[in-house]
């Protein structure tokens, strides 16, 4: 079996969260999450409907949820759903 850098035997578990946010804040949310190296990845699902997907390692999910809750409290994110 070929190993990619010796890590192919590991199982990578990810959590996926769906966000509904203000259209004008898509880049802001991406910028904030990029500042936390390794916390997660933001992908814009629909820029017109202002929907995004956040993918994060299960081991970092609790930290991600706390950050997203802070952005909800700030009024940047309208809704967060686990998919």
PDB file of N, CA and C in Angstrom:
ATOM      1  N   UNK A   1       0.850  -1.180   0.000  1.00  0.00           N
ATOM      2  CA  UNK A   1       0.000   0.000   0.000  1.00  0.00           C
ATOM      3  C   UNK A   1       0.892   1.239   0.000  1.00  0.00           C
ATOM      4  N   UNK A   2       0.591   2.181  -0.875  1.00  0.00           N
ATOM      5  CA  UNK A   2       1.339   3.429  -0.916  1.00  0.00           C
ATOM      6  C   UNK A   2       0.809   4.376   0.154  1.00  0.00           C
ATOM      7  N   UNK A   3       1.736   4.944   0.884  1.00  0.00           N
ATOM      8  CA  UNK A   3       1.371   5.921   1.908  1.00  0.00           C
ATOM      9  C   UNK A   3       1.750   7.301   1.423  1.00  0.00           C
ATOM     10  N   UNK A   4       0.843   8.218   1.540  1.00  0.00           N
ATOM     11  CA  UNK A   4       1.141   9.610   1.240  1.00  0.00           C
ATOM     12  C   UNK A   4       1.799  10.196   2.476  1.00  0.00           C
ATOM     13  N   UNK A   5       3.097  10.324   2.431  1.00  0.00           N
ATOM     14  CA  UNK A   5       3.873  10.836   3.556  1.00  0.00           C
ATOM     15  C   UNK A   5       3.654  10.022   4.824  1.00  0.00           C
ATOM     16  N   UNK A   6       3.294   8.753   4.663  1.00  0.00           N
ATOM     17  CA  UNK A   6       3.132   7.874   5.818  1.00  0.00           C
ATOM     18  C   UNK A   6       1.875   8.105   6.624  1.00  0.00           C
ATOM     19  N   UNK A   7       0.890   8.827   6.076  1.00  0.00           N
ATOM     20  CA  UNK A   7      -0.303   9.135   6.866  1.00  0.00           C
ATOM     21  C   UNK A   7      -1.586   8.507   6.330  1.00  0.00           C
ATOM     22  N   UNK A   8      -1.501   7.690   5.300  1.00  0.00           N
ATOM     23  CA  UNK A   8      -2.727   7.175   4.690  1.00  0.00           C
ATOM     24  C   UNK A   8      -3.464   6.191   5.589  1.00  0.00           C
ATOM     25  N   UNK A   9      -2.841   5.717   6.630  1.00  0.00           N
ATOM     26  CA  UNK A   9      -3.515   4.777   7.534  1.00  0.00           C
ATOM     27  C   UNK A   9      -4.411   5.472   8.553  1.00  0.00           C
ATOM     28  N   UNK A  10      -4.319   6.801   8.635  1.00  0.00           N
ATOM     29  CA  UNK A  10      -5.129   7.558   9.577  1.00  0.00           C
ATOM     30  C   UNK A  10      -6.493   7.856   8.980  1.00  0.00           C
ATOM     31  N   UNK A  11      -7.479   7.878   9.828  1.00  0.00           N
ATOM     32  CA  UNK A  11      -8.830   8.251   9.422  1.00  0.00           C
ATOM     33  C   UNK A  11      -9.053   9.703   9.806  1.00  0.00           C
ATOM     34  N   UNK A  12      -9.332  10.535   8.831  1.00  0.00           N
ATOM     35  CA  UNK A  12      -9.559  11.953   9.091  1.00  0.00           C
ATOM     36  C   UNK A  12     -11.060  12.186   9.206  1.00  0.00           C
ATOM     37  N   UNK A  13     -11.492  12.665  10.362  1.00  0.00           N
ATOM     38  CA  UNK A  13     -12.901  12.951  10.604  1.00  0.00           C
ATOM     39  C   UNK A  13     -13.114  14.453  10.602  1.00  0.00           C
ATOM     40  N   UNK A  14     -14.078  14.877   9.814  1.00  0.00           N
ATOM     41  CA  UNK A  14     -14.378  16.294   9.700  1.00  0.00           C
ATOM     42  C   UNK A  14     -15.829  16.564  10.040  1.00  0.00           C
ATOM     43  N   UNK A  15     -16.068  17.745  10.540  1.00  0.00           N
ATOM     44  CA  UNK A  15     -17.409  18.226  10.816  1.00  0.00           C
ATOM     45  C   UNK A  15     -17.711  19.322   9.803  1.00  0.00           C
ATOM     46  N   UNK A  16     -18.939  19.371   9.325  1.00  0.00           N
ATOM     47  CA  UNK A  16     -19.333  20.366   8.332  1.00  0.00           C
ATOM     48  C   UNK A  16     -20.498  21.179   8.894  1.00  0.00           C
ATOM     49  N   UNK A  17     -20.321  22.494   8.872  1.00  0.00           N
ATOM     50  CA  UNK A  17     -21.333  23.415   9.362  1.00  0.00           C
ATOM     51  C   UNK A  17     -21.753  24.340   8.224  1.00  0.00           C
ATOM     52  N   UNK A  18     -23.041  24.588   8.130  1.00  0.00           N
ATOM     53  CA  UNK A  18     -23.591  25.466   7.102  1.00  0.00           C
ATOM     54  C   UNK A  18     -23.912  26.815   7.732  1.00  0.00           C
ATOM     55  N   UNK A  19     -23.496  27.889   7.062  1.00  0.00           N
ATOM     56  CA  UNK A  19     -23.711  29.236   7.587  1.00  0.00           C
ATOM     57  C   UNK A  19     -24.604  30.060   6.667  1.00  0.00           C
ATOM     58  N   UNK A  20     -25.435  30.853   7.259  1.00  0.00           N
ATOM     59  CA  UNK A  20     -26.208  31.877   6.554  1.00  0.00           C
ATOM     60  C   UNK A  20     -25.731  33.192   7.149  1.00  0.00           C
ATOM     61  N   UNK A  21     -25.225  34.075   6.299  1.00  0.00           N
ATOM     62  CA  UNK A  21     -24.678  35.312   6.814  1.00  0.00           C
ATOM     63  C   UNK A  21     -25.048  36.494   5.939  1.00  0.00           C
ATOM     64  N   UNK A  22     -24.578  37.649   6.330  1.00  0.00           N
ATOM     65  CA  UNK A  22     -24.803  38.836   5.515  1.00  0.00           C
ATOM     66  C   UNK A  22     -23.881  38.747   4.311  1.00  0.00           C
ATOM     67  N   UNK A  23     -24.401  39.069   3.154  1.00  0.00           N
ATOM     68  CA  UNK A  23     -23.619  38.980   1.916  1.00  0.00           C
ATOM     69  C   UNK A  23     -22.337  39.824   2.006  1.00  0.00           C
ATOM     70  N   UNK A  24     -22.446  40.976   2.600  1.00  0.00           N
ATOM     71  CA  UNK A  24     -21.290  41.870   2.711  1.00  0.00           C
ATOM     72  C   UNK A  24     -20.230  41.350   3.685  1.00  0.00           C
ATOM     73  N   UNK A  25     -20.559  40.331   4.483  1.00  0.00           N
ATOM     74  CA  UNK A  25     -19.627  39.817   5.495  1.00  0.00           C
ATOM     75  C   UNK A  25     -18.972  38.489   5.128  1.00  0.00           C
ATOM     76  N   UNK A  26     -19.187  37.996   3.914  1.00  0.00           N
ATOM     77  CA  UNK A  26     -18.584  36.721   3.514  1.00  0.00           C
ATOM     78  C   UNK A  26     -17.063  36.793   3.627  1.00  0.00           C
ATOM     79  N   UNK A  27     -16.461  37.815   3.062  1.00  0.00           N
ATOM     80  CA  UNK A  27     -14.998  37.924   3.098  1.00  0.00           C
ATOM     81  C   UNK A  27     -14.489  38.165   4.520  1.00  0.00           C
ATOM     82  N   UNK A  28     -15.258  38.867   5.335  1.00  0.00           N
ATOM     83  CA  UNK A  28     -14.877  39.102   6.734  1.00  0.00           C
ATOM     84  C   UNK A  28     -14.793  37.775   7.487  1.00  0.00           C
ATOM     85  N   UNK A  29     -15.798  36.924   7.323  1.00  0.00           N
ATOM     86  CA  UNK A  29     -15.812  35.620   8.005  1.00  0.00           C
ATOM     87  C   UNK A  29     -14.637  34.771   7.529  1.00  0.00           C
ATOM     88  N   UNK A  30     -14.378  34.772   6.233  1.00  0.00           N
ATOM     89  CA  UNK A  30     -13.223  34.031   5.712  1.00  0.00           C
ATOM     90  C   UNK A  30     -11.928  34.554   6.319  1.00  0.00           C
ATOM     91  N   UNK A  31     -11.787  35.867   6.398  1.00  0.00           N
ATOM     92  CA  UNK A  31     -10.591  36.481   6.942  1.00  0.00           C
ATOM     93  C   UNK A  31     -10.388  36.090   8.410  1.00  0.00           C
ATOM     94  N   UNK A  32     -11.443  36.144   9.194  1.00  0.00           N
ATOM     95  CA  UNK A  32     -11.363  35.796  10.614  1.00  0.00           C
ATOM     96  C   UNK A  32     -10.953  34.337  10.781  1.00  0.00           C
ATOM     97  N   UNK A  33     -11.595  33.431  10.051  1.00  0.00           N
ATOM     98  CA  UNK A  33     -11.295  32.004  10.201  1.00  0.00           C
ATOM     99  C   UNK A  33      -9.906  31.642   9.684  1.00  0.00           C
ATOM    100  N   UNK A  34      -9.422  32.343   8.664  1.00  0.00           N
ATOM    101  CA  UNK A  34      -8.072  32.085   8.172  1.00  0.00           C
ATOM    102  C   UNK A  34      -7.025  32.485   9.208  1.00  0.00           C
ATOM    103  N   UNK A  35      -7.367  33.403  10.085  1.00  0.00           N
ATOM    104  CA  UNK A  35      -6.456  33.832  11.147  1.00  0.00           C
ATOM    105  C   UNK A  35      -6.203  32.759  12.183  1.00  0.00           C
ATOM    106  N   UNK A  36      -7.064  31.774  12.258  1.00  0.00           N
ATOM    107  CA  UNK A  36      -6.912  30.657  13.186  1.00  0.00           C
ATOM    108  C   UNK A  36      -6.393  29.460  12.400  1.00  0.00           C
ATOM    109  N   UNK A  37      -5.084  29.363  12.244  1.00  0.00           N
ATOM    110  CA  UNK A  37      -4.474  28.288  11.450  1.00  0.00           C
ATOM    111  C   UNK A  37      -4.942  26.911  11.907  1.00  0.00           C
ATOM    112  N   UNK A  38      -5.418  26.135  10.956  1.00  0.00           N
ATOM    113  CA  UNK A  38      -5.817  24.763  11.233  1.00  0.00           C
ATOM    114  C   UNK A  38      -7.175  24.600  11.874  1.00  0.00           C
ATOM    115  N   UNK A  39      -7.880  25.690  12.112  1.00  0.00           N
ATOM    116  CA  UNK A  39      -9.196  25.585  12.750  1.00  0.00           C
ATOM    117  C   UNK A  39     -10.247  25.085  11.772  1.00  0.00           C
ATOM    118  N   UNK A  40     -10.218  25.562  10.558  1.00  0.00           N
ATOM    119  CA  UNK A  40     -11.199  25.123   9.581  1.00  0.00           C
ATOM    120  C   UNK A  40     -11.054  25.861   8.266  1.00  0.00           C
ATOM    121  N   UNK A  41     -11.871  25.457   7.315  1.00  0.00           N
ATOM    122  CA  UNK A  41     -11.861  26.028   5.974  1.00  0.00           C
ATOM    123  C   UNK A  41     -13.259  26.536   5.659  1.00  0.00           C
ATOM    124  N   UNK A  42     -13.333  27.739   5.116  1.00  0.00           N
ATOM    125  CA  UNK A  42     -14.613  28.322   4.712  1.00  0.00           C
ATOM    126  C   UNK A  42     -14.719  28.265   3.197  1.00  0.00           C
ATOM    127  N   UNK A  43     -15.843  27.768   2.720  1.00  0.00           N
ATOM    128  CA  UNK A  43     -16.125  27.720   1.290  1.00  0.00           C
ATOM    129  C   UNK A  43     -17.457  28.417   1.048  1.00  0.00           C
ATOM    130  N   UNK A  44     -17.484  29.334   0.108  1.00  0.00           N
ATOM    131  CA  UNK A  44     -18.732  30.007  -0.230  1.00  0.00           C
ATOM    132  C   UNK A  44     -19.598  29.055  -1.048  1.00  0.00           C
ATOM    133  N   UNK A  45     -20.782  28.782  -0.553  1.00  0.00           N
ATOM    134  CA  UNK A  45     -21.716  27.885  -1.242  1.00  0.00           C
ATOM    135  C   UNK A  45     -22.518  28.664  -2.282  1.00  0.00           C
ATOM    136  N   UNK A  46     -23.040  29.806  -1.894  1.00  0.00           N
ATOM    137  CA  UNK A  46     -23.840  30.658  -2.785  1.00  0.00           C
ATOM    138  C   UNK A  46     -23.620  32.106  -2.369  1.00  0.00           C
ATOM    139  N   UNK A  47     -22.878  32.849  -3.186  1.00  0.00           N
ATOM    140  CA  UNK A  47     -22.553  34.223  -2.804  1.00  0.00           C
ATOM    141  C   UNK A  47     -23.762  35.145  -2.861  1.00  0.00           C
ATOM    142  N   UNK A  48     -24.747  34.824  -3.696  1.00  0.00           N
ATOM    143  CA  UNK A  48     -25.931  35.671  -3.790  1.00  0.00           C
ATOM    144  C   UNK A  48     -26.872  35.452  -2.607  1.00  0.00           C
ATOM    145  N   UNK A  49     -26.969  34.204  -2.151  1.00  0.00           N
ATOM    146  CA  UNK A  49     -27.799  33.896  -0.986  1.00  0.00           C
ATOM    147  C   UNK A  49     -27.011  34.036   0.317  1.00  0.00           C
ATOM    148  N   UNK A  50     -25.716  34.358   0.222  1.00  0.00           N
ATOM    149  CA  UNK A  50     -24.817  34.525   1.375  1.00  0.00           C
ATOM    150  C   UNK A  50     -24.791  33.270   2.241  1.00  0.00           C
ATOM    151  N   UNK A  51     -24.522  32.140   1.590  1.00  0.00           N
ATOM    152  CA  UNK A  51     -24.409  30.860   2.287  1.00  0.00           C
ATOM    153  C   UNK A  51     -22.982  30.348   2.154  1.00  0.00           C
ATOM    154  N   UNK A  52     -22.458  29.822   3.252  1.00  0.00           N
ATOM    155  CA  UNK A  52     -21.100  29.295   3.256  1.00  0.00           C
ATOM    156  C   UNK A  52     -21.072  27.972   4.008  1.00  0.00           C
ATOM    157  N   UNK A  53     -20.028  27.208   3.757  1.00  0.00           N
ATOM    158  CA  UNK A  53     -19.795  25.933   4.426  1.00  0.00           C
ATOM    159  C   UNK A  53     -18.481  26.045   5.187  1.00  0.00           C
ATOM    160  N   UNK A  54     -18.473  25.591   6.425  1.00  0.00           N
ATOM    161  CA  UNK A  54     -17.241  25.532   7.216  1.00  0.00           C
ATOM    162  C   UNK A  54     -16.938  24.067   7.470  1.00  0.00           C
ATOM    163  N   UNK A  55     -15.740  23.658   7.105  1.00  0.00           N
ATOM    164  CA  UNK A  55     -15.281  22.291   7.346  1.00  0.00           C
ATOM    165  C   UNK A  55     -14.148  22.365   8.354  1.00  0.00           C
ATOM    166  N   UNK A  56     -14.255  21.579   9.424  1.00  0.00           N
ATOM    167  CA  UNK A  56     -13.216  21.601  10.451  1.00  0.00           C
ATOM    168  C   UNK A  56     -12.986  20.193  10.981  1.00  0.00           C
ATOM    169  N   UNK A  57     -11.771  19.921  11.462  1.00  0.00           N
ATOM    170  CA  UNK A  57     -11.524  18.622  12.082  1.00  0.00           C
ATOM    171  C   UNK A  57     -12.424  18.469  13.314  1.00  0.00           C
ATOM    172  N   UNK A  58     -12.912  17.269  13.533  1.00  0.00           N
ATOM    173  CA  UNK A  58     -13.785  17.018  14.682  1.00  0.00           C
ATOM    174  C   UNK A  58     -13.079  17.418  15.980  1.00  0.00           C
ATOM    175  N   UNK A  59     -11.779  17.231  16.023  1.00  0.00           N
ATOM    176  CA  UNK A  59     -11.014  17.578  17.223  1.00  0.00           C
ATOM    177  C   UNK A  59     -10.998  19.080  17.501  1.00  0.00           C
ATOM    178  N   UNK A  60     -11.324  19.907  16.510  1.00  0.00           N
ATOM    179  CA  UNK A  60     -11.331  21.368  16.674  1.00  0.00           C
ATOM    180  C   UNK A  60     -12.741  21.949  16.642  1.00  0.00           C
ATOM    181  N   UNK A  61     -13.748  21.079  16.584  1.00  0.00           N
ATOM    182  CA  UNK A  61     -15.130  21.537  16.428  1.00  0.00           C
ATOM    183  C   UNK A  61     -15.581  22.438  17.578  1.00  0.00           C
ATOM    184  N   UNK A  62     -15.222  22.099  18.792  1.00  0.00           N
ATOM    185  CA  UNK A  62     -15.660  22.898  19.939  1.00  0.00           C
ATOM    186  C   UNK A  62     -15.121  24.329  19.832  1.00  0.00           C
ATOM    187  N   UNK A  63     -13.879  24.469  19.439  1.00  0.00           N
ATOM    188  CA  UNK A  63     -13.304  25.806  19.254  1.00  0.00           C
ATOM    189  C   UNK A  63     -13.994  26.541  18.114  1.00  0.00           C
ATOM    190  N   UNK A  64     -14.296  25.818  17.035  1.00  0.00           N
ATOM    191  CA  UNK A  64     -14.972  26.427  15.891  1.00  0.00           C
ATOM    192  C   UNK A  64     -16.356  26.920  16.292  1.00  0.00           C
ATOM    193  N   UNK A  65     -17.093  26.118  17.022  1.00  0.00           N
ATOM    194  CA  UNK A  65     -18.447  26.496  17.443  1.00  0.00           C
ATOM    195  C   UNK A  65     -18.395  27.743  18.319  1.00  0.00           C
ATOM    196  N   UNK A  66     -17.423  27.825  19.220  1.00  0.00           N
ATOM    197  CA  UNK A  66     -17.293  29.019  20.072  1.00  0.00           C
ATOM    198  C   UNK A  66     -17.024  30.265  19.229  1.00  0.00           C
ATOM    199  N   UNK A  67     -16.160  30.136  18.231  1.00  0.00           N
ATOM    200  CA  UNK A  67     -15.862  31.272  17.357  1.00  0.00           C
ATOM    201  C   UNK A  67     -17.098  31.673  16.558  1.00  0.00           C
ATOM    202  N   UNK A  68     -17.811  30.688  16.017  1.00  0.00           N
ATOM    203  CA  UNK A  68     -19.014  30.997  15.244  1.00  0.00           C
ATOM    204  C   UNK A  68     -20.094  31.627  16.123  1.00  0.00           C
ATOM    205  N   UNK A  69     -20.210  31.167  17.370  1.00  0.00           N
ATOM    206  CA  UNK A  69     -21.174  31.765  18.299  1.00  0.00           C
ATOM    207  C   UNK A  69     -20.827  33.228  18.559  1.00  0.00           C
ATOM    208  N   UNK A  70     -19.540  33.542  18.654  1.00  0.00           N
ATOM    209  CA  UNK A  70     -19.117  34.932  18.851  1.00  0.00           C
ATOM    210  C   UNK A  70     -19.494  35.777  17.630  1.00  0.00           C
ATOM    211  N   UNK A  71     -19.357  35.203  16.428  1.00  0.00           N
ATOM    212  CA  UNK A  71     -19.726  35.931  15.211  1.00  0.00           C
ATOM    213  C   UNK A  71     -21.240  36.080  15.091  1.00  0.00           C
ATOM    214  N   UNK A  72     -21.993  35.120  15.605  1.00  0.00           N
ATOM    215  CA  UNK A  72     -23.463  35.258  15.651  1.00  0.00           C
ATOM    216  C   UNK A  72     -23.820  36.394  16.607  1.00  0.00           C
ATOM    217  N   UNK A  73     -23.186  36.403  17.767  1.00  0.00           N
ATOM    218  CA  UNK A  73     -23.438  37.460  18.759  1.00  0.00           C
ATOM    219  C   UNK A  73     -23.068  38.835  18.198  1.00  0.00           C
ATOM    220  N   UNK A  74     -22.018  38.881  17.384  1.00  0.00           N
ATOM    221  CA  UNK A  74     -21.582  40.128  16.748  1.00  0.00           C
ATOM    222  C   UNK A  74     -22.554  40.576  15.657  1.00  0.00           C
ATOM    223  N   UNK A  75     -23.403  39.654  15.187  1.00  0.00           N
ATOM    224  CA  UNK A  75     -24.384  39.979  14.159  1.00  0.00           C
ATOM    225  C   UNK A  75     -23.919  39.721  12.743  1.00  0.00           C
ATOM    226  N   UNK A  76     -22.760  39.103  12.598  1.00  0.00           N
ATOM    227  CA  UNK A  76     -22.206  38.824  11.268  1.00  0.00           C
ATOM    228  C   UNK A  76     -22.859  37.587  10.665  1.00  0.00           C
ATOM    229  N   UNK A  77     -23.022  36.549  11.474  1.00  0.00           N
ATOM    230  CA  UNK A  77     -23.644  35.297  11.020  1.00  0.00           C
ATOM    231  C   UNK A  77     -25.083  35.266  11.505  1.00  0.00           C
ATOM    232  N   UNK A  78     -25.990  34.923  10.587  1.00  0.00           N
ATOM    233  CA  UNK A  78     -27.413  34.854  10.935  1.00  0.00           C
ATOM    234  C   UNK A  78     -27.802  33.492  11.498  1.00  0.00           C
ATOM    235  N   UNK A  79     -27.313  32.409  10.849  1.00  0.00           N
ATOM    236  CA  UNK A  79     -27.678  31.052  11.257  1.00  0.00           C
ATOM    237  C   UNK A  79     -26.504  30.115  11.076  1.00  0.00           C
ATOM    238  N   UNK A  80     -26.432  29.076  11.948  1.00  0.00           N
ATOM    239  CA  UNK A  80     -25.441  28.016  11.826  1.00  0.00           C
ATOM    240  C   UNK A  80     -26.190  26.691  11.952  1.00  0.00           C
ATOM    241  N   UNK A  81     -25.956  25.804  10.976  1.00  0.00           N
ATOM    242  CA  UNK A  81     -26.586  24.484  10.996  1.00  0.00           C
ATOM    243  C   UNK A  81     -25.525  23.424  10.764  1.00  0.00           C
ATOM    244  N   UNK A  82     -25.625  22.322  11.488  1.00  0.00           N
ATOM    245  CA  UNK A  82     -24.719  21.202  11.252  1.00  0.00           C
ATOM    246  C   UNK A  82     -25.280  20.360  10.108  1.00  0.00           C
ATOM    247  N   UNK A  83     -24.415  20.005   9.174  1.00  0.00           N
ATOM    248  CA  UNK A  83     -24.875  19.188   8.037  1.00  0.00           C
ATOM    249  C   UNK A  83     -24.288  17.812   8.092  1.00  0.00           C
TER     250      UNK A  83
END
